[in-house]
C-alpha atoms as a PDB file:
ATOM      1  CA  UNK A   1    -170.001 -61.922 -95.949  1.00  0.00           C
ATOM      2  CA  UNK A   2    -166.789 -60.945 -97.775  1.00  0.00           C
ATOM      3  CA  UNK A   3    -166.005 -62.076-101.317  1.00  0.00           C
ATOM      4  CA  UNK A   4    -163.693 -65.081-101.112  1.00  0.00           C
ATOM      5  CA  UNK A   5    -160.857 -65.996-103.460  1.00  0.00           C
ATOM      6  CA  UNK A   6    -158.703 -69.130-103.468  1.00  0.00           C
ATOM      7  CA  UNK A   7    -154.940 -69.048-103.087  1.00  0.00           C
ATOM      8  CA  UNK A   8    -153.882 -71.776-105.514  1.00  0.00           C
ATOM      9  CA  UNK A   9    -150.368 -71.966-104.146  1.00  0.00           C
ATOM     10  CA  UNK A  10    -151.843 -73.409-100.935  1.00  0.00           C
ATOM     11  CA  UNK A  11    -155.199 -74.892-101.931  1.00  0.00           C
ATOM     12  CA  UNK A  12    -155.388 -78.013-104.115  1.00  0.00           C
ATOM     13  CA  UNK A  13    -151.613 -78.326-103.898  1.00  0.00           C
ATOM     14  CA  UNK A  14    -152.047 -82.044-104.574  1.00  0.00           C
ATOM     15  CA  UNK A  15    -153.209 -81.266-108.115  1.00  0.00           C
ATOM     16  CA  UNK A  16    -151.130 -80.175-111.115  1.00  0.00           C
ATOM     17  CA  UNK A  17    -150.944 -76.397-111.245  1.00  0.00           C
ATOM     18  CA  UNK A  18    -153.340 -75.772-114.129  1.00  0.00           C
ATOM     19  CA  UNK A  19    -155.901 -78.260-112.775  1.00  0.00           C
ATOM     20  CA  UNK A  20    -156.224 -76.196-109.595  1.00  0.00           C
ATOM     21  CA  UNK A  21    -158.113 -73.500-111.490  1.00  0.00           C
ATOM     22  CA  UNK A  22    -160.757 -76.036-112.518  1.00  0.00           C
ATOM     23  CA  UNK A  23    -161.071 -77.270-108.924  1.00  0.00           C
ATOM     24  CA  UNK A  24    -161.443 -73.736-107.564  1.00  0.00           C
ATOM     25  CA  UNK A  25    -164.204 -72.893-110.021  1.00  0.00           C
ATOM     26  CA  UNK A  26    -166.002 -76.165-109.279  1.00  0.00           C
ATOM     27  CA  UNK A  27    -165.887 -75.311-105.564  1.00  0.00           C
ATOM     28  CA  UNK A  28    -167.611 -71.997-106.230  1.00  0.00           C
ATOM     29  CA  UNK A  29    -164.719 -69.530-106.185  1.00  0.00           C
ATOM     30  CA  UNK A  30    -164.891 -66.632-108.621  1.00  0.00           C
ATOM     31  CA  UNK A  31    -161.327 -65.412-108.099  1.00  0.00           C
ATOM     32  CA  UNK A  32    -157.893 -66.849-107.360  1.00  0.00           C
ATOM     33  CA  UNK A  33    -154.378 -65.769-106.553  1.00  0.00           C
ATOM     34  CA  UNK A  34    -151.026 -67.446-107.217  1.00  0.00           C
ATOM     35  CA  UNK A  35    -147.973 -66.368-105.273  1.00  0.00           C
ATOM     36  CA  UNK A  36    -145.312 -67.176-107.875  1.00  0.00           C
ATOM     37  CA  UNK A  37    -146.808 -68.013-111.285  1.00  0.00           C
ATOM     38  CA  UNK A  38    -143.563 -67.362-113.144  1.00  0.00           C
ATOM     39  CA  UNK A  39    -142.556 -70.980-113.830  1.00  0.00           C
ATOM     40  CA  UNK A  40    -145.562 -71.411-116.150  1.00  0.00           C
ATOM     41  CA  UNK A  41    -145.948 -69.363-119.348  1.00  0.00           C
ATOM     42  CA  UNK A  42    -148.450 -66.593-118.688  1.00  0.00           C
ATOM     43  CA  UNK A  43    -150.695 -67.600-121.634  1.00  0.00           C
ATOM     44  CA  UNK A  44    -151.181 -71.061-120.072  1.00  0.00           C
ATOM     45  CA  UNK A  45    -152.337 -69.538-116.797  1.00  0.00           C
ATOM     46  CA  UNK A  46    -154.467 -67.055-118.707  1.00  0.00           C
ATOM     47  CA  UNK A  47    -156.179 -69.922-120.555  1.00  0.00           C
ATOM     48  CA  UNK A  48    -156.932 -71.711-117.258  1.00  0.00           C
ATOM     49  CA  UNK A  49    -158.470 -68.510-115.907  1.00  0.00           C
ATOM     50  CA  UNK A  50    -160.539 -67.894-119.025  1.00  0.00           C
ATOM     51  CA  UNK A  51    -161.986 -71.381-119.347  1.00  0.00           C
ATOM     52  CA  UNK A  52    -163.248 -71.160-115.764  1.00  0.00           C
ATOM     53  CA  UNK A  53    -164.359 -67.533-115.752  1.00  0.00           C
ATOM     54  CA  UNK A  54    -161.957 -66.762-112.905  1.00  0.00           C
ATOM     55  CA  UNK A  55    -160.403 -63.449-111.971  1.00  0.00           C
ATOM     56  CA  UNK A  56    -156.737 -63.366-110.987  1.00  0.00           C
ATOM     57  CA  UNK A  57    -156.367 -61.175-107.915  1.00  0.00           C
ATOM     58  CA  UNK A  58    -152.724 -61.149-106.848  1.00  0.00           C
ATOM     59  CA  UNK A  59    -149.199 -62.366-107.404  1.00  0.00           C
ATOM     60  CA  UNK A  60    -145.961 -61.883-105.477  1.00  0.00           C
ATOM     61  CA  UNK A  61    -142.864 -59.971-106.536  1.00  0.00           C
ATOM     62  CA  UNK A  62    -140.009 -59.685-107.094  1.00  0.00           C
ATOM     63  CA  UNK A  63    -140.204 -63.051-108.828  1.00  0.00           C
ATOM     64  CA  UNK A  64    -137.921 -65.965-108.011  1.00  0.00           C
ATOM     65  CA  UNK A  65    -134.398 -65.638-109.288  1.00  0.00           C
ATOM     66  CA  UNK A  66    -133.247 -68.294-111.718  1.00  0.00           C
ATOM     67  CA  UNK A  67    -129.650 -67.730-110.607  1.00  0.00           C
ATOM     68  CA  UNK A  68    -130.162 -68.915-107.033  1.00  0.00           C
ATOM     69  CA  UNK A  69    -131.333 -65.704-105.377  1.00  0.00           C
ATOM     70  CA  UNK A  70    -134.014 -65.463-102.698  1.00  0.00           C
ATOM     71  CA  UNK A  71    -137.729 -64.995-103.253  1.00  0.00           C
ATOM     72  CA  UNK A  72    -138.160 -61.419-102.201  1.00  0.00           C
ATOM     73  CA  UNK A  73    -135.314 -58.937-101.803  1.00  0.00           C
ATOM     74  CA  UNK A  74    -136.865 -55.478-101.884  1.00  0.00           C
ATOM     75  CA  UNK A  75    -135.130 -54.465 -98.630  1.00  0.00           C
ATOM     76  CA  UNK A  76    -131.702 -55.877 -99.476  1.00  0.00           C
ATOM     77  CA  UNK A  77    -129.173 -53.060 -99.998  1.00  0.00           C
ATOM     78  CA  UNK A  78    -127.297 -53.028-103.282  1.00  0.00           C
ATOM     79  CA  UNK A  79    -129.951 -54.684-105.411  1.00  0.00           C
ATOM     80  CA  UNK A  80    -131.802 -51.715-106.907  1.00  0.00           C
ATOM     81  CA  UNK A  81    -131.133 -52.585-110.559  1.00  0.00           C
ATOM     82  CA  UNK A  82    -132.180 -56.184-110.064  1.00  0.00           C
ATOM     83  CA  UNK A  83    -135.295 -55.091-108.177  1.00  0.00           C
ATOM     84  CA  UNK A  84    -136.329 -52.768-111.004  1.00  0.00           C
ATOM     85  CA  UNK A  85    -135.773 -55.479-113.619  1.00  0.00           C
ATOM     86  CA  UNK A  86    -137.726 -58.148-111.749  1.00  0.00           C
ATOM     87  CA  UNK A  87    -140.556 -55.748-110.900  1.00  0.00           C
ATOM     88  CA  UNK A  88    -140.989 -54.960-114.593  1.00  0.00           C
ATOM     89  CA  UNK A  89    -141.335 -58.692-115.195  1.00  0.00           C
ATOM     90  CA  UNK A  90    -143.918 -59.001-112.418  1.00  0.00           C
ATOM     91  CA  UNK A  91    -145.905 -56.114-113.871  1.00  0.00           C
ATOM     92  CA  UNK A  92    -145.975 -57.817-117.273  1.00  0.00           C
ATOM     93  CA  UNK A  93    -147.303 -61.019-115.708  1.00  0.00           C
ATOM     94  CA  UNK A  94    -149.906 -59.115-113.700  1.00  0.00           C
ATOM     95  CA  UNK A  95    -151.136 -57.289-116.780  1.00  0.00           C
ATOM     96  CA  UNK A  96    -151.406 -60.444-118.905  1.00  0.00           C
ATOM     97  CA  UNK A  97    -153.232 -62.302-116.124  1.00  0.00           C
ATOM     98  CA  UNK A  98    -155.457 -59.384-115.135  1.00  0.00           C
ATOM     99  CA  UNK A  99    -154.198 -59.216-111.560  1.00  0.00           C
ATOM    100  CA  UNK A 100    -154.673 -55.854-109.875  1.00  0.00           C
ATOM    101  CA  UNK A 101    -152.377 -56.412-106.885  1.00  0.00           C
ATOM    102  CA  UNK A 102    -148.657 -57.165-106.671  1.00  0.00           C
ATOM    103  CA  UNK A 103    -147.390 -58.105-103.221  1.00  0.00           C
ATOM    104  CA  UNK A 104    -143.807 -56.869-102.846  1.00  0.00           C
ATOM    105  CA  UNK A 105    -141.716 -59.111-100.598  1.00  0.00           C
ATOM    106  CA  UNK A 106    -139.018 -57.386 -98.548  1.00  0.00           C
ATOM    107  CA  UNK A 107    -136.787 -60.438 -98.090  1.00  0.00           C
ATOM    108  CA  UNK A 108    -134.436 -61.154 -95.194  1.00  0.00           C
ATOM    109  CA  UNK A 109    -132.698 -58.028 -93.912  1.00  0.00           C
ATOM    110  CA  UNK A 110    -132.360 -55.921 -90.774  1.00  0.00           C
ATOM    111  CA  UNK A 111    -131.715 -52.363 -89.719  1.00  0.00           C
ATOM    112  CA  UNK A 112    -132.107 -48.775 -90.941  1.00  0.00           C
ATOM    113  CA  UNK A 113    -130.307 -49.365 -94.257  1.00  0.00           C
ATOM    114  CA  UNK A 114    -132.765 -52.123 -95.147  1.00  0.00           C
ATOM    115  CA  UNK A 115    -135.695 -49.844 -94.342  1.00  0.00           C
ATOM    116  CA  UNK A 116    -134.266 -47.035 -96.450  1.00  0.00           C
ATOM    117  CA  UNK A 117    -133.631 -49.485 -99.309  1.00  0.00           C
ATOM    118  CA  UNK A 118    -137.196 -50.764 -99.203  1.00  0.00           C
ATOM    119  CA  UNK A 119    -138.606 -47.226 -99.192  1.00  0.00           C
ATOM    120  CA  UNK A 120    -136.421 -46.137-102.115  1.00  0.00           C
ATOM    121  CA  UNK A 121    -137.299 -49.227-104.173  1.00  0.00           C
ATOM    122  CA  UNK A 122    -141.007 -48.760-103.530  1.00  0.00           C
ATOM    123  CA  UNK A 123    -140.890 -45.061-104.424  1.00  0.00           C
ATOM    124  CA  UNK A 124    -139.435 -45.899-107.826  1.00  0.00           C
ATOM    125  CA  UNK A 125    -141.864 -48.787-108.355  1.00  0.00           C
ATOM    126  CA  UNK A 126    -144.969 -46.785-107.465  1.00  0.00           C
ATOM    127  CA  UNK A 127    -143.935 -43.888-109.716  1.00  0.00           C
ATOM    128  CA  UNK A 128    -143.878 -46.066-112.849  1.00  0.00           C
ATOM    129  CA  UNK A 129    -146.651 -48.513-111.944  1.00  0.00           C
ATOM    130  CA  UNK A 130    -149.315 -48.645-114.682  1.00  0.00           C
ATOM    131  CA  UNK A 131    -152.818 -47.453-113.855  1.00  0.00           C
ATOM    132  CA  UNK A 132    -155.014 -50.151-112.363  1.00  0.00           C
ATOM    133  CA  UNK A 133    -152.221 -51.861-110.433  1.00  0.00           C
ATOM    134  CA  UNK A 134    -151.529 -51.601-106.702  1.00  0.00           C
ATOM    135  CA  UNK A 135    -148.535 -52.717-104.663  1.00  0.00           C
ATOM    136  CA  UNK A 136    -148.958 -54.184-101.185  1.00  0.00           C
ATOM    137  CA  UNK A 137    -146.710 -54.927 -98.210  1.00  0.00           C
ATOM    138  CA  UNK A 138    -147.476 -57.872 -95.936  1.00  0.00           C
ATOM    139  CA  UNK A 139    -145.956 -58.339 -92.465  1.00  0.00           C
ATOM    140  CA  UNK A 140    -144.821 -61.955 -91.996  1.00  0.00           C
ATOM    141  CA  UNK A 141    -144.392 -63.402 -88.531  1.00  0.00           C
ATOM    142  CA  UNK A 142    -140.865 -64.312 -87.345  1.00  0.00           C
ATOM    143  CA  UNK A 143    -141.852 -67.882 -86.496  1.00  0.00           C
ATOM    144  CA  UNK A 144    -142.821 -68.617 -90.101  1.00  0.00           C
ATOM    145  CA  UNK A 145    -140.218 -66.366 -91.744  1.00  0.00           C
ATOM    146  CA  UNK A 146    -137.164 -65.927 -89.484  1.00  0.00           C
ATOM    147  CA  UNK A 147    -135.082 -62.935 -90.474  1.00  0.00           C
ATOM    148  CA  UNK A 148    -137.749 -61.406 -92.712  1.00  0.00           C
ATOM    149  CA  UNK A 149    -137.461 -57.627 -92.638  1.00  0.00           C
ATOM    150  CA  UNK A 150    -141.134 -56.684 -92.674  1.00  0.00           C
ATOM    151  CA  UNK A 151    -142.194 -58.455 -89.485  1.00  0.00           C
ATOM    152  CA  UNK A 152    -144.609 -56.014 -87.848  1.00  0.00           C
ATOM    153  CA  UNK A 153    -147.695 -54.037 -88.797  1.00  0.00           C
ATOM    154  CA  UNK A 154    -146.273 -50.849 -87.297  1.00  0.00           C
ATOM    155  CA  UNK A 155    -143.167 -51.164 -89.489  1.00  0.00           C
ATOM    156  CA  UNK A 156    -145.310 -51.751 -92.571  1.00  0.00           C
ATOM    157  CA  UNK A 157    -147.352 -48.642 -91.742  1.00  0.00           C
ATOM    158  CA  UNK A 158    -144.161 -46.590 -91.347  1.00  0.00           C
ATOM    159  CA  UNK A 159    -142.878 -47.687 -94.755  1.00  0.00           C
ATOM    160  CA  UNK A 160    -146.228 -46.999 -96.436  1.00  0.00           C
ATOM    161  CA  UNK A 161    -146.323 -43.531 -94.859  1.00  0.00           C
ATOM    162  CA  UNK A 162    -142.769 -42.799 -95.975  1.00  0.00           C
ATOM    163  CA  UNK A 163    -143.438 -43.835 -99.590  1.00  0.00           C
ATOM    164  CA  UNK A 164    -146.674 -41.836 -99.573  1.00  0.00           C
ATOM    165  CA  UNK A 165    -148.109 -43.211-102.809  1.00  0.00           C
ATOM    166  CA  UNK A 166    -151.799 -43.895-103.525  1.00  0.00           C
ATOM    167  CA  UNK A 167    -150.942 -47.166-105.280  1.00  0.00           C
ATOM    168  CA  UNK A 168    -149.249 -48.728-102.225  1.00  0.00           C
ATOM    169  CA  UNK A 169    -151.137 -50.278 -99.325  1.00  0.00           C
ATOM    170  CA  UNK A 170    -151.137 -52.938 -96.646  1.00  0.00           C
ATOM    171  CA  UNK A 171    -151.799 -56.634 -97.136  1.00  0.00           C
ATOM    172  CA  UNK A 172    -153.448 -58.138 -94.040  1.00  0.00           C
ATOM    173  CA  UNK A 173    -153.173 -61.859 -93.298  1.00  0.00           C
ATOM    174  CA  UNK A 174    -155.152 -63.146 -90.301  1.00  0.00           C
ATOM    175  CA  UNK A 175    -152.682 -65.953 -89.568  1.00  0.00           C
ATOM    176  CA  UNK A 176    -149.696 -63.597 -89.498  1.00  0.00           C
ATOM    177  CA  UNK A 177    -151.696 -61.059 -87.483  1.00  0.00           C
ATOM    178  CA  UNK A 178    -152.482 -63.760 -84.907  1.00  0.00           C
ATOM    179  CA  UNK A 179    -148.821 -64.716 -84.600  1.00  0.00           C
ATOM    180  CA  UNK A 180    -147.498 -61.140 -84.555  1.00  0.00           C
ATOM    181  CA  UNK A 181    -150.029 -59.381 -82.308  1.00  0.00           C
ATOM    182  CA  UNK A 182    -152.244 -62.089 -80.782  1.00  0.00           C
ATOM    183  CA  UNK A 183    -155.266 -59.960 -81.713  1.00  0.00           C
ATOM    184  CA  UNK A 184    -156.119 -60.409 -85.402  1.00  0.00           C
ATOM    185  CA  UNK A 185    -159.503 -58.666 -85.168  1.00  0.00           C
ATOM    186  CA  UNK A 186    -158.115 -55.662 -83.293  1.00  0.00           C
ATOM    187  CA  UNK A 187    -155.165 -55.496 -85.682  1.00  0.00           C
ATOM    188  CA  UNK A 188    -157.504 -55.463 -88.669  1.00  0.00           C
ATOM    189  CA  UNK A 189    -159.607 -52.681 -87.168  1.00  0.00           C
ATOM    190  CA  UNK A 190    -156.521 -50.594 -86.348  1.00  0.00           C
ATOM    191  CA  UNK A 191    -154.989 -51.038 -89.793  1.00  0.00           C
ATOM    192  CA  UNK A 192    -158.184 -50.977 -91.890  1.00  0.00           C
ATOM    193  CA  UNK A 193    -157.528 -47.564 -93.510  1.00  0.00           C
ATOM    194  CA  UNK A 194    -154.291 -48.903 -95.031  1.00  0.00           C
ATOM    195  CA  UNK A 195    -155.532 -52.349 -96.102  1.00  0.00           C
ATOM    196  CA  UNK A 196    -155.770 -53.071 -99.833  1.00  0.00           C
ATOM    197  CA  UNK A 197    -155.884 -56.890 -99.731  1.00  0.00           C
ATOM    198  CA  UNK A 198    -156.845 -59.571 -97.192  1.00  0.00           C
ATOM    199  CA  UNK A 199    -155.746 -63.181 -96.780  1.00  0.00           C
ATOM    200  CA  UNK A 200    -157.086 -65.596 -94.180  1.00  0.00           C
ATOM    201  CA  UNK A 201    -155.842 -68.654 -92.370  1.00  0.00           C
ATOM    202  CA  UNK A 202    -156.379 -69.738 -88.790  1.00  0.00           C
ATOM    203  CA  UNK A 203    -153.805 -69.544 -86.043  1.00  0.00           C
ATOM    204  CA  UNK A 204    -151.693 -71.102 -84.894  1.00  0.00           C
ATOM    205  CA  UNK A 205    -150.460 -73.187 -87.792  1.00  0.00           C
ATOM    206  CA  UNK A 206    -152.145 -71.543 -90.817  1.00  0.00           C
ATOM    207  CA  UNK A 207    -154.994 -74.062 -90.735  1.00  0.00           C
ATOM    208  CA  UNK A 208    -158.478 -73.666 -92.289  1.00  0.00           C
ATOM    209  CA  UNK A 209    -160.740 -71.029 -90.707  1.00  0.00           C
ATOM    210  CA  UNK A 210    -162.624 -72.476 -87.760  1.00  0.00           C
ATOM    211  CA  UNK A 211    -159.931 -74.986 -86.783  1.00  0.00           C
ATOM    212  CA  UNK A 212    -157.826 -72.694 -84.581  1.00  0.00           C
ATOM    213  CA  UNK A 213    -158.178 -69.768 -82.211  1.00  0.00           C
ATOM    214  CA  UNK A 214    -159.201 -66.875 -84.473  1.00  0.00           C
ATOM    215  CA  UNK A 215    -162.773 -65.605 -84.153  1.00  0.00           C
ATOM    216  CA  UNK A 216    -163.663 -65.546 -87.842  1.00  0.00           C
ATOM    217  CA  UNK A 217    -167.293 -64.464 -87.428  1.00  0.00           C
ATOM    218  CA  UNK A 218    -165.986 -61.384 -85.594  1.00  0.00           C
ATOM    219  CA  UNK A 219    -163.293 -60.830 -88.216  1.00  0.00           C
ATOM    220  CA  UNK A 220    -165.745 -61.110 -91.114  1.00  0.00           C
ATOM    221  CA  UNK A 221    -168.067 -58.700 -89.319  1.00  0.00           C
ATOM    222  CA  UNK A 222    -165.183 -56.244 -88.883  1.00  0.00           C
ATOM    223  CA  UNK A 223    -164.305 -56.564 -92.576  1.00  0.00           C
ATOM    224  CA  UNK A 224    -167.894 -55.830 -93.589  1.00  0.00           C
ATOM    225  CA  UNK A 225    -168.124 -52.915 -91.151  1.00  0.00           C
ATOM    226  CA  UNK A 226    -164.927 -51.379 -92.527  1.00  0.00           C
ATOM    227  CA  UNK A 227    -166.387 -51.022 -96.001  1.00  0.00           C
ATOM    228  CA  UNK A 228    -163.632 -53.132 -97.542  1.00  0.00           C
ATOM    229  CA  UNK A 229    -164.801 -54.163-101.011  1.00  0.00           C
ATOM    230  CA  UNK A 230    -161.881 -56.276-102.234  1.00  0.00           C
ATOM    231  CA  UNK A 231    -161.301 -60.010-102.213  1.00  0.00           C
ATOM    232  CA  UNK A 232    -160.578 -62.087 -99.106  1.00  0.00           C
ATOM    233  CA  UNK A 233    -158.264 -64.855-100.180  1.00  0.00           C
ATOM    234  CA  UNK A 234    -158.107 -68.264 -98.509  1.00  0.00           C
ATOM    235  CA  UNK A 235    -154.401 -68.869 -97.864  1.00  0.00           C
ATOM    236  CA  UNK A 236    -154.019 -71.843 -95.542  1.00  0.00           C
ATOM    237  CA  UNK A 237    -152.854 -75.451 -95.432  1.00  0.00           C
ATOM    238  CA  UNK A 238    -155.849 -77.775 -95.932  1.00  0.00           C
ATOM    239  CA  UNK A 239    -156.368 -80.636 -93.525  1.00  0.00           C
ATOM    240  CA  UNK A 240    -156.938 -83.432 -95.987  1.00  0.00           C
ATOM    241  CA  UNK A 241    -158.653 -82.754 -99.296  1.00  0.00           C
ATOM    242  CA  UNK A 242    -159.178 -79.059 -99.968  1.00  0.00           C
ATOM    243  CA  UNK A 243    -162.804 -79.396-101.074  1.00  0.00           C
ATOM    244  CA  UNK A 244    -163.848 -81.160 -97.851  1.00  0.00           C
ATOM    245  CA  UNK A 245    -162.690 -78.239 -95.707  1.00  0.00           C
ATOM    246  CA  UNK A 246    -164.626 -75.357 -97.249  1.00  0.00           C
ATOM    247  CA  UNK A 247    -167.555 -75.222 -94.815  1.00  0.00           C
ATOM    248  CA  UNK A 248    -166.192 -71.959 -93.405  1.00  0.00           C
ATOM    249  CA  UNK A 249    -167.254 -70.237 -96.672  1.00  0.00           C
ATOM    250  CA  UNK A 250    -170.898 -70.969 -95.976  1.00  0.00           C
END
């Protein structure tokens, strides 16, 4: 079976942020991820990780703008300076928290100029990224994220190929794969050489594994067969209390 991590943006959302780390450790998780940890001082999150012996796996970037901007704008033309500034901030957070992966969000954009902007931004980011860190791109389905630029696995693969950097890879999410292609297992197998991080949720609806239409035993078998050695993060909306819906882990 894969190694499972808990996405604390989605799981135990009923608890105060720092208490979620305690709940994850009590449930048996050894690693966690937080999509946007920037509203809490990094030392506070670091202390919650340390007291529970948890590894931080991933965070999202660019971080949320405190002047009203969108979460994610890497493909928006005209924002190169802001992208560089916010990516430096994300790198600092990742280093303090020990996260090895930064998911770069493209934001809402369309067309060739957006693609060129995303490629240029990623080329600069990968060139200065400290050793030990990796950037990922995650396709998000149009139903959940209307207008989002990176909305297909083929497009993500094209961008990764164009950037051509060893510290950039694909982030695979089973829920988004179900909504985008209808074949999450086949999509994983086709994209496996590019995948650097995995998130899971059932489809439709991003529900807990085993409550929808995705064949998770087949997906877990495909993950094992691929030789993937990273974390598989639970990113779904619990049905009731988080801790009562973790049977899929066992």
